[in-house]
N, C-alpha and C. Protein backbone atom coordinates (compact mmCIF):
# COMPACT_ATOMS: atom_id res chain seq x y z
N MET A 1 153.06 -69.20 108.99
CA MET A 1 151.93 -70.05 109.29
C MET A 1 152.38 -71.29 110.07
N ASN A 2 153.61 -71.73 109.83
CA ASN A 2 154.08 -72.91 110.57
C ASN A 2 154.13 -72.64 112.06
N PHE A 3 154.48 -71.40 112.44
CA PHE A 3 154.52 -71.05 113.85
C PHE A 3 153.17 -71.31 114.51
N HIS A 4 152.11 -70.90 113.84
CA HIS A 4 150.77 -71.06 114.42
C HIS A 4 150.40 -72.53 114.59
N GLU A 5 150.86 -73.35 113.67
CA GLU A 5 150.60 -74.78 113.79
C GLU A 5 151.48 -75.39 114.87
N ASP A 6 152.73 -74.93 114.95
CA ASP A 6 153.66 -75.46 115.96
C ASP A 6 153.18 -75.22 117.38
N VAL A 7 152.60 -74.05 117.62
CA VAL A 7 152.14 -73.72 118.98
C VAL A 7 150.66 -74.03 119.18
N SER A 8 150.03 -74.65 118.19
CA SER A 8 148.61 -75.01 118.24
C SER A 8 147.74 -73.79 118.57
N MET A 9 147.85 -72.77 117.73
CA MET A 9 147.14 -71.52 117.98
C MET A 9 145.63 -71.71 118.06
N ARG A 10 145.09 -72.64 117.29
CA ARG A 10 143.64 -72.88 117.34
C ARG A 10 143.22 -73.36 118.73
N ILE A 11 144.01 -74.27 119.29
CA ILE A 11 143.71 -74.78 120.63
C ILE A 11 143.86 -73.67 121.66
N VAL A 12 144.88 -72.83 121.50
CA VAL A 12 145.08 -71.69 122.41
C VAL A 12 143.86 -70.77 122.36
N HIS A 13 143.38 -70.46 121.16
CA HIS A 13 142.20 -69.60 121.02
C HIS A 13 140.98 -70.26 121.66
N GLN A 14 140.85 -71.57 121.48
CA GLN A 14 139.71 -72.27 122.09
C GLN A 14 139.76 -72.17 123.61
N LYS A 15 140.95 -72.35 124.19
CA LYS A 15 141.09 -72.28 125.65
C LYS A 15 140.83 -70.87 126.17
N ILE A 16 141.36 -69.86 125.47
CA ILE A 16 141.12 -68.47 125.88
C ILE A 16 139.64 -68.15 125.80
N PHE A 17 138.99 -68.58 124.72
CA PHE A 17 137.56 -68.34 124.54
C PHE A 17 136.76 -68.98 125.67
N LYS A 18 137.12 -70.22 126.01
CA LYS A 18 136.41 -70.93 127.09
C LYS A 18 136.64 -70.24 128.43
N THR A 19 137.86 -69.77 128.66
CA THR A 19 138.18 -69.08 129.91
C THR A 19 137.38 -67.79 130.05
N ILE A 20 137.28 -67.05 128.96
CA ILE A 20 136.58 -65.75 129.00
C ILE A 20 135.07 -65.91 129.05
N THR A 21 134.54 -66.77 128.17
CA THR A 21 133.08 -66.86 128.05
C THR A 21 132.47 -68.03 128.82
N GLY A 22 133.26 -69.05 129.09
CA GLY A 22 132.71 -70.23 129.74
C GLY A 22 132.07 -71.19 128.75
N LEU A 23 132.09 -70.85 127.47
CA LEU A 23 131.49 -71.70 126.43
C LEU A 23 132.60 -72.36 125.62
N GLU A 24 132.32 -73.59 125.15
CA GLU A 24 133.28 -74.26 124.27
C GLU A 24 132.87 -74.01 122.82
N ASP A 25 133.86 -73.71 122.00
CA ASP A 25 133.60 -73.45 120.59
C ASP A 25 134.79 -73.96 119.78
N ASP A 26 134.53 -74.77 118.74
CA ASP A 26 135.61 -75.30 117.91
C ASP A 26 136.27 -74.20 117.07
N LYS A 27 135.49 -73.19 116.70
CA LYS A 27 136.02 -72.09 115.89
C LYS A 27 135.65 -70.77 116.56
N PRO A 28 136.44 -70.34 117.53
CA PRO A 28 136.13 -69.08 118.23
C PRO A 28 136.47 -67.86 117.37
N LEU A 29 135.61 -67.58 116.40
CA LEU A 29 135.87 -66.49 115.46
C LEU A 29 135.97 -65.13 116.14
N LEU A 30 135.35 -65.01 117.31
CA LEU A 30 135.42 -63.77 118.06
C LEU A 30 136.87 -63.42 118.42
N LEU A 31 137.71 -64.42 118.57
CA LEU A 31 139.13 -64.20 118.84
C LEU A 31 139.97 -64.30 117.57
N GLN A 32 139.63 -65.22 116.69
CA GLN A 32 140.47 -65.49 115.52
C GLN A 32 140.47 -64.35 114.50
N ILE A 33 139.34 -63.71 114.28
CA ILE A 33 139.28 -62.64 113.28
C ILE A 33 140.10 -61.42 113.72
N PRO A 34 139.90 -60.89 114.94
CA PRO A 34 140.75 -59.77 115.36
C PRO A 34 142.23 -60.14 115.43
N TYR A 35 142.53 -61.37 115.82
CA TYR A 35 143.91 -61.82 115.88
C TYR A 35 144.54 -61.79 114.49
N SER A 36 143.81 -62.28 113.50
CA SER A 36 144.33 -62.31 112.13
C SER A 36 144.54 -60.90 111.59
N ILE A 37 143.59 -60.01 111.85
CA ILE A 37 143.73 -58.62 111.41
C ILE A 37 144.93 -57.97 112.09
N GLY A 38 145.06 -58.17 113.39
CA GLY A 38 146.18 -57.61 114.13
C GLY A 38 147.52 -58.15 113.65
N LEU A 39 147.56 -59.43 113.30
CA LEU A 39 148.77 -60.05 112.80
C LEU A 39 149.19 -59.40 111.49
N GLY A 40 148.22 -59.19 110.61
CA GLY A 40 148.53 -58.54 109.33
C GLY A 40 149.00 -57.11 109.51
N LEU A 41 148.32 -56.35 110.37
CA LEU A 41 148.73 -54.97 110.62
C LEU A 41 150.10 -54.91 111.28
N GLY A 42 150.37 -55.84 112.17
CA GLY A 42 151.68 -55.88 112.82
C GLY A 42 152.79 -56.14 111.83
N MET A 43 152.55 -57.01 110.87
CA MET A 43 153.57 -57.28 109.85
C MET A 43 153.80 -56.06 108.97
N ILE A 44 152.73 -55.36 108.63
CA ILE A 44 152.87 -54.15 107.82
C ILE A 44 153.71 -53.12 108.56
N LEU A 45 153.43 -52.94 109.84
CA LEU A 45 154.20 -51.97 110.62
C LEU A 45 155.64 -52.43 110.81
N PHE A 46 155.84 -53.71 111.05
CA PHE A 46 157.19 -54.23 111.27
C PHE A 46 158.05 -54.08 110.03
N PHE A 47 157.51 -54.40 108.87
CA PHE A 47 158.28 -54.32 107.64
C PHE A 47 158.23 -52.93 107.00
N ASN A 48 157.47 -52.00 107.62
CA ASN A 48 157.51 -50.59 107.25
C ASN A 48 157.03 -50.31 105.83
N HIS A 49 156.11 -51.08 105.33
CA HIS A 49 155.59 -50.83 103.98
C HIS A 49 154.09 -51.07 103.95
N VAL A 50 153.39 -50.18 103.26
CA VAL A 50 152.01 -50.40 102.89
C VAL A 50 152.03 -50.34 101.37
N PHE A 51 151.97 -51.50 100.76
CA PHE A 51 152.15 -51.66 99.33
C PHE A 51 153.50 -51.07 98.94
N ARG A 52 153.57 -50.01 98.14
CA ARG A 52 154.87 -49.45 97.75
C ARG A 52 155.21 -48.19 98.54
N LYS A 53 154.35 -47.81 99.44
CA LYS A 53 154.56 -46.59 100.21
C LYS A 53 155.15 -46.92 101.58
N ARG A 54 156.15 -46.12 101.99
CA ARG A 54 156.79 -46.30 103.30
C ARG A 54 155.99 -45.57 104.37
N ILE A 55 155.95 -46.15 105.56
CA ILE A 55 155.27 -45.52 106.68
C ILE A 55 156.15 -44.44 107.29
N ASN A 56 157.45 -44.74 107.44
CA ASN A 56 158.41 -43.75 107.92
C ASN A 56 159.74 -43.99 107.21
N GLU A 57 160.74 -43.20 107.54
CA GLU A 57 162.00 -43.27 106.81
C GLU A 57 162.99 -44.29 107.36
N GLU A 58 162.65 -44.98 108.43
CA GLU A 58 163.56 -45.98 108.98
C GLU A 58 163.64 -47.18 108.04
N PRO A 59 164.81 -47.82 107.97
CA PRO A 59 164.92 -49.00 107.10
C PRO A 59 164.16 -50.17 107.71
N SER A 60 163.65 -51.00 106.86
CA SER A 60 162.93 -52.19 107.33
C SER A 60 163.95 -53.26 107.75
N PRO A 61 163.55 -54.24 108.55
CA PRO A 61 164.48 -55.31 108.93
C PRO A 61 165.06 -56.04 107.72
N LEU A 62 164.27 -56.19 106.68
CA LEU A 62 164.76 -56.84 105.48
C LEU A 62 165.86 -56.01 104.82
N GLU A 63 165.69 -54.69 104.78
CA GLU A 63 166.71 -53.82 104.20
C GLU A 63 168.00 -53.86 105.02
N VAL A 64 167.88 -53.93 106.33
CA VAL A 64 169.07 -54.02 107.19
C VAL A 64 169.80 -55.33 106.93
N GLU A 65 169.06 -56.43 106.82
CA GLU A 65 169.68 -57.73 106.56
C GLU A 65 170.35 -57.75 105.19
N MET A 66 169.71 -57.16 104.19
CA MET A 66 170.31 -57.10 102.86
C MET A 66 171.60 -56.27 102.88
N PHE A 67 171.60 -55.17 103.64
CA PHE A 67 172.79 -54.34 103.78
C PHE A 67 173.92 -55.15 104.44
N ASN A 68 173.60 -55.86 105.53
CA ASN A 68 174.61 -56.68 106.21
C ASN A 68 175.14 -57.78 105.29
N TYR A 69 174.25 -58.38 104.54
CA TYR A 69 174.66 -59.43 103.60
C TYR A 69 175.62 -58.86 102.56
N GLN A 70 175.30 -57.69 102.03
CA GLN A 70 176.16 -57.07 101.01
C GLN A 70 177.53 -56.73 101.59
N GLN A 71 177.56 -56.24 102.82
CA GLN A 71 178.85 -55.95 103.47
C GLN A 71 179.66 -57.23 103.66
N ASP A 72 179.03 -58.29 104.11
CA ASP A 72 179.73 -59.57 104.30
C ASP A 72 180.25 -60.10 102.97
N LEU A 73 179.46 -59.98 101.93
CA LEU A 73 179.87 -60.43 100.61
C LEU A 73 181.06 -59.62 100.11
N ASP A 74 180.98 -58.30 100.25
CA ASP A 74 182.10 -57.44 99.83
C ASP A 74 183.37 -57.79 100.60
N GLN A 75 183.25 -58.01 101.91
CA GLN A 75 184.40 -58.36 102.74
C GLN A 75 185.00 -59.69 102.30
N TYR A 76 184.15 -60.64 101.98
CA TYR A 76 184.63 -61.94 101.52
C TYR A 76 185.40 -61.80 100.21
N VAL A 77 184.86 -61.03 99.28
CA VAL A 77 185.51 -60.85 97.98
C VAL A 77 186.87 -60.18 98.18
N ILE A 78 186.93 -59.17 99.04
CA ILE A 78 188.20 -58.48 99.29
C ILE A 78 189.22 -59.46 99.87
N MET A 79 188.83 -60.25 100.85
CA MET A 79 189.76 -61.20 101.46
C MET A 79 190.17 -62.28 100.47
N HIS A 80 189.24 -62.74 99.65
CA HIS A 80 189.54 -63.77 98.66
C HIS A 80 190.52 -63.24 97.61
N GLU A 81 190.33 -61.99 97.18
CA GLU A 81 191.25 -61.38 96.22
C GLU A 81 192.63 -61.22 96.81
N ASN A 82 192.72 -60.88 98.10
CA ASN A 82 194.02 -60.74 98.76
C ASN A 82 194.76 -62.08 98.79
N LYS A 83 194.04 -63.16 99.04
CA LYS A 83 194.67 -64.48 99.06
C LYS A 83 195.19 -64.85 97.68
N GLU A 84 194.41 -64.55 96.64
CA GLU A 84 194.82 -64.84 95.27
C GLU A 84 196.05 -64.02 94.89
N SER A 85 196.06 -62.74 95.31
CA SER A 85 197.19 -61.87 95.00
C SER A 85 198.46 -62.38 95.68
N SER A 86 198.37 -62.80 96.94
CA SER A 86 199.55 -63.28 97.64
C SER A 86 200.04 -64.60 97.04
N LYS A 87 199.17 -65.41 96.54
CA LYS A 87 199.60 -66.67 95.90
C LYS A 87 200.40 -66.35 94.63
N LYS A 88 199.92 -65.38 93.85
CA LYS A 88 200.61 -65.01 92.61
C LYS A 88 201.98 -64.42 92.90
N ILE A 89 202.06 -63.63 93.96
CA ILE A 89 203.34 -63.03 94.34
C ILE A 89 204.31 -64.11 94.82
N ASP A 90 203.81 -65.06 95.62
CA ASP A 90 204.65 -66.13 96.15
C ASP A 90 205.12 -67.05 95.03
N ASP A 91 204.30 -67.24 94.01
CA ASP A 91 204.66 -68.13 92.90
C ASP A 91 205.78 -67.54 92.04
N ASN A 92 205.88 -66.24 92.02
CA ASN A 92 206.92 -65.59 91.16
C ASN A 92 208.22 -65.60 91.83
């Protein structure tokens, strides 16, 4: 929602509405309602979920990021354990 406020989406809709119809309207619902519906549908398709059901078998962007995070975490733990092991060996 911050994105819409940052780019002044309401003002953009007002200008588009005025350009198309020639009329000024503070709340151009003719544009805002389909935009909102499309935004919701786009998010559903992007994240690949409709409630608990998957649309297709591809992983969602969130699943890919979680996988990358887990790999980075595992790599960090492995490297950290190696440093601890070498310290113990050097101390003896």
